[in-house]
Amino acid sequence: MKDSVIIVSGGMDSITMLYEYKDAIALGISFDYGSNHNANEIPLAKMHCERLGIKHVTIPLAFMGQYFKSSLLEGGDAIPEGHYTAENMASTVVPFRNGIMLSIACGMAESYGLKRVLIANHGGDHTIYPDCRPEFINAMSEAMTQGTDTNVKVFAPYTSITKSEIARHGKALGIDYSETWSCYKGGTKHCGKCGTCVERKEALMEAGIVDTTEYEG
């Protein structure tokens, strides 16, 4: 039964979830919020949804890029390099991004008569992204349930697992991760040095997947 909306960026995690739960997904939503890499990600999200016969929409959130402060946004500070465990990665936080996206996806779900909003936050996000943590996801799900006549809920099955485990799910599903985008710098190729590129490399290696990503240098 197709009872779900998915927030799909075009990255490894949400594309894995898209394929894993494709039989339950009626609508894929991407958000153009002014990040450096939206233009790389969103076409891939659209491509995968169309490949699976899932309706896809892109919702513009230009105000975030205009008013919010984050190195992830166009015109922000330089994207830091290194591992996500490093303190400098905190600059990539986009304030309340998931809260805003979940709220909009909830409204879309109720409008379409759907019951769940899927989001692909995972255990590795918890260190620096407060709106990826279980406490936040659970609180948002409760708020959405209380705020909708149809009792929409959040479904976030990757919350407690690692990106490597997500990659293993993708490997079993036969996903070609070269058709996903991770790099926060938004160039023509993955930089290979920013936190999300480092995490991508580690996840693919630990999952036993040959990394065919094109990196700079």
Protein backbone atom coordinates (compact mmCIF):
# COMPACT_ATOMS: atom_id res chain seq x y z
CA MET A 1 0.00 0.00 0.00
CA LYS A 2 1.42 3.37 -1.03
CA ASP A 3 0.85 5.44 2.09
CA SER A 4 4.08 7.44 2.35
CA VAL A 5 5.92 10.59 1.33
CA ILE A 6 9.73 10.50 1.28
CA ILE A 7 12.10 13.41 1.68
CA VAL A 8 14.64 12.51 -1.00
CA SER A 9 17.77 14.58 -1.53
CA GLY A 10 19.63 12.52 -4.11
CA GLY A 11 22.28 11.42 -1.60
CA MET A 12 23.22 7.88 -0.61
CA ASP A 13 20.92 7.61 2.39
CA SER A 14 17.64 8.86 0.95
CA ILE A 15 18.16 7.02 -2.35
CA THR A 16 18.73 3.78 -0.43
CA MET A 17 15.54 4.40 1.51
CA LEU A 18 13.69 5.22 -1.71
CA TYR A 19 14.54 1.80 -3.15
CA GLU A 20 14.11 -0.09 0.09
CA TYR A 21 10.59 1.26 0.67
CA LYS A 22 9.53 1.94 -2.93
CA ASP A 23 6.39 -0.16 -2.65
CA ALA A 24 5.06 2.12 0.12
CA ILE A 25 6.05 5.49 -1.42
CA ALA A 26 3.52 7.57 -3.32
CA LEU A 27 5.44 10.84 -3.47
CA GLY A 28 9.08 11.97 -3.38
CA ILE A 29 9.86 15.51 -2.25
CA SER A 30 13.14 17.35 -2.74
CA PHE A 31 13.85 20.78 -1.26
CA ASP A 32 15.90 23.46 -3.00
CA TYR A 33 17.05 25.47 0.01
CA GLY A 34 20.06 27.21 -1.49
CA SER A 35 22.80 24.75 -0.62
CA ASN A 36 25.99 24.51 -2.64
CA HIS A 37 25.06 21.03 -3.81
CA ASN A 38 21.29 21.19 -4.44
CA ALA A 39 21.90 21.44 -8.19
CA ASN A 40 23.92 18.21 -8.10
CA GLU A 41 21.55 16.26 -5.88
CA ILE A 42 18.04 17.14 -6.97
CA PRO A 43 18.26 15.93 -10.60
CA LEU A 44 19.39 12.53 -9.25
CA ALA A 45 16.48 12.41 -6.81
CA LYS A 46 14.09 13.16 -9.66
CA MET A 47 15.74 10.56 -11.91
CA HIS A 48 15.44 7.78 -9.33
CA CYS A 49 11.82 8.61 -8.52
CA GLU A 50 10.91 8.61 -12.21
CA ARG A 51 12.76 5.33 -12.69
CA LEU A 52 10.57 3.78 -9.99
CA GLY A 53 7.36 5.39 -11.24
CA ILE A 54 7.07 7.59 -8.15
CA LYS A 55 5.76 11.15 -8.49
CA HIS A 56 8.46 13.69 -7.64
CA VAL A 57 8.21 17.36 -6.75
CA THR A 58 10.85 19.96 -5.87
CA ILE A 59 9.83 22.61 -3.37
CA PRO A 60 11.82 25.88 -3.32
CA LEU A 61 12.91 27.17 0.08
CA ALA A 62 14.89 30.18 -1.09
CA PHE A 63 14.36 32.00 2.20
CA MET A 64 16.71 29.57 3.94
CA GLY A 65 19.60 30.42 1.67
CA GLN A 66 18.76 34.11 2.00
CA TYR A 67 18.38 34.40 5.76
CA PHE A 68 19.98 31.38 7.44
CA LYS A 69 23.66 31.07 8.34
CA SER A 70 25.58 27.92 7.39
CA SER A 71 28.68 27.04 5.38
CA LEU A 72 26.44 24.63 3.48
CA LEU A 73 24.54 27.49 1.88
CA GLU A 74 25.58 29.42 -1.21
CA GLY A 75 27.63 32.45 -0.21
CA GLY A 76 28.44 30.95 3.19
CA ASP A 77 31.86 30.23 4.66
CA ALA A 78 34.12 27.72 2.93
CA ILE A 79 33.04 24.11 3.39
CA PRO A 80 35.37 22.58 6.01
CA GLU A 81 37.41 19.51 5.20
CA GLY A 82 37.98 16.52 7.45
CA HIS A 83 35.92 13.97 9.36
CA TYR A 84 32.47 14.60 10.81
CA THR A 85 33.86 14.04 14.29
CA ALA A 86 35.90 17.27 13.94
CA GLU A 87 34.52 20.39 15.62
CA ASN A 88 34.81 22.47 12.44
CA MET A 89 32.04 20.39 10.82
CA ALA A 90 29.49 22.18 13.04
CA SER A 91 29.53 25.04 10.51
CA THR A 92 27.61 22.80 8.08
CA VAL A 93 24.52 22.78 10.29
CA VAL A 94 21.57 24.45 8.55
CA PRO A 95 19.39 25.64 11.46
CA PHE A 96 16.25 23.50 11.91
CA ARG A 97 16.47 22.24 8.32
CA ASN A 98 14.84 18.89 9.03
CA GLY A 99 12.15 20.53 11.15
CA ILE A 100 11.18 22.78 8.24
CA MET A 101 11.29 19.97 5.69
CA LEU A 102 9.35 17.55 7.88
CA SER A 103 6.67 20.19 8.50
CA ILE A 104 6.19 20.80 4.78
CA ALA A 105 6.28 17.07 3.98
CA CYS A 106 3.67 16.54 6.70
CA GLY A 107 1.37 19.09 5.05
CA MET A 108 1.92 17.40 1.70
CA ALA A 109 1.16 14.00 3.22
CA GLU A 110 -2.12 15.20 4.68
CA SER A 111 -3.02 16.92 1.41
CA TYR A 112 -2.46 13.67 -0.51
CA GLY A 113 -4.17 11.47 2.09
CA LEU A 114 -0.89 9.77 3.07
CA LYS A 115 0.04 8.54 6.54
CA ARG A 116 3.84 8.64 6.84
CA VAL A 117 6.79 10.88 6.09
CA LEU A 118 10.03 8.99 5.46
CA ILE A 119 13.34 10.63 6.30
CA ALA A 120 16.80 9.07 6.03
CA ASN A 121 18.66 10.56 9.00
CA HIS A 122 21.13 8.06 10.45
CA GLY A 123 23.26 7.38 13.51
CA GLY A 124 26.34 9.12 12.14
CA ASP A 125 24.43 12.42 11.92
CA HIS A 126 23.80 12.65 15.66
CA THR A 127 27.13 14.19 16.64
CA ILE A 128 26.64 17.58 15.03
CA TYR A 129 23.08 17.70 13.68
CA PRO A 130 20.51 18.08 16.49
CA ASP A 131 17.58 17.74 14.08
CA CYS A 132 18.74 14.22 13.14
CA ARG A 133 18.70 12.83 16.67
CA PRO A 134 16.09 10.33 17.89
CA GLU A 135 14.69 12.75 20.47
CA PHE A 136 13.98 15.33 17.79
CA ILE A 137 12.54 12.84 15.29
CA ASN A 138 10.24 11.37 17.95
CA ALA A 139 9.10 14.83 19.05
CA MET A 140 8.38 15.90 15.47
CA SER A 141 6.43 12.72 14.82
CA GLU A 142 4.29 13.36 17.88
CA ALA A 143 3.72 16.99 16.87
CA MET A 144 2.72 15.93 13.36
CA THR A 145 0.34 13.30 14.69
CA GLN A 146 -1.30 15.81 17.01
CA GLY A 147 -1.41 18.51 14.33
CA THR A 148 -3.10 16.54 11.55
CA ASP A 149 -6.57 15.05 11.25
CA THR A 150 -5.02 12.04 9.52
CA ASN A 151 -2.40 11.49 12.27
CA VAL A 152 0.64 11.67 9.99
CA LYS A 153 3.76 10.12 11.50
CA VAL A 154 7.50 10.20 10.82
CA PHE A 155 9.10 6.94 9.72
CA ALA A 156 12.87 7.08 10.21
CA PRO A 157 14.19 3.50 10.24
CA TYR A 158 17.84 4.49 9.74
CA THR A 159 18.01 6.65 12.88
CA SER A 160 20.05 4.17 14.90
CA ILE A 161 22.23 2.63 12.18
CA THR A 162 25.45 3.80 10.52
CA LYS A 163 26.01 4.97 6.96
CA SER A 164 28.01 1.79 6.36
CA GLU A 165 24.95 -0.26 7.31
CA ILE A 166 22.84 1.84 4.95
CA ALA A 167 25.37 1.13 2.20
CA ARG A 168 25.01 -2.60 2.93
CA HIS A 169 21.25 -2.25 2.45
CA GLY A 170 21.97 -0.54 -0.87
CA LYS A 171 24.40 -3.23 -1.90
CA ALA A 172 21.72 -5.89 -1.31
CA LEU A 173 19.28 -3.80 -3.36
CA GLY A 174 21.78 -3.45 -6.22
CA ILE A 175 21.98 0.35 -6.03
CA ASP A 176 24.62 2.04 -8.15
CA TYR A 177 25.93 4.73 -5.80
CA SER A 178 27.68 6.55 -8.63
CA GLU A 179 24.15 7.77 -9.35
CA THR A 180 24.02 9.62 -6.02
CA TRP A 181 25.65 12.83 -4.83
CA SER A 182 27.26 13.54 -1.46
CA CYS A 183 29.83 16.36 -1.75
CA TYR A 184 28.91 19.58 0.05
CA LYS A 185 31.12 21.73 -2.19
CA GLY A 186 28.89 21.31 -5.23
CA GLY A 187 31.59 21.14 -7.90
CA THR A 188 31.52 19.05 -11.06
CA LYS A 189 33.13 16.16 -9.14
CA HIS A 190 33.16 15.07 -5.51
CA CYS A 191 36.00 16.86 -3.70
CA GLY A 192 36.88 13.75 -1.68
CA LYS A 193 37.88 15.85 1.34
CA CYS A 194 34.79 17.36 2.97
CA GLY A 195 33.06 15.53 5.82
CA THR A 196 30.36 13.95 3.68
CA CYS A 197 32.89 12.79 1.05
CA VAL A 198 35.05 11.20 3.76
CA GLU A 199 31.97 9.53 5.24
CA ARG A 200 30.91 8.30 1.78
CA LYS A 201 34.31 6.72 1.12
CA GLU A 202 34.33 4.99 4.51
CA ALA A 203 30.78 3.67 4.13
CA LEU A 204 31.37 2.21 0.68
CA MET A 205 34.64 0.62 1.74
CA GLU A 206 33.16 -0.89 4.91
CA ALA A 207 30.20 -2.24 2.94
CA GLY A 208 32.54 -3.90 0.45
CA ILE A 209 31.35 -1.75 -2.46
CA VAL A 210 33.79 -0.69 -5.17
CA ASP A 211 33.77 3.11 -5.09
CA THR A 212 33.28 4.37 -8.65
CA THR A 213 32.69 7.97 -7.54
CA GLU A 214 34.67 10.52 -9.52
CA TYR A 215 36.77 12.53 -7.08
CA GLU A 216 38.88 15.60 -7.81
CA GLY A 217 42.62 15.02 -8.02
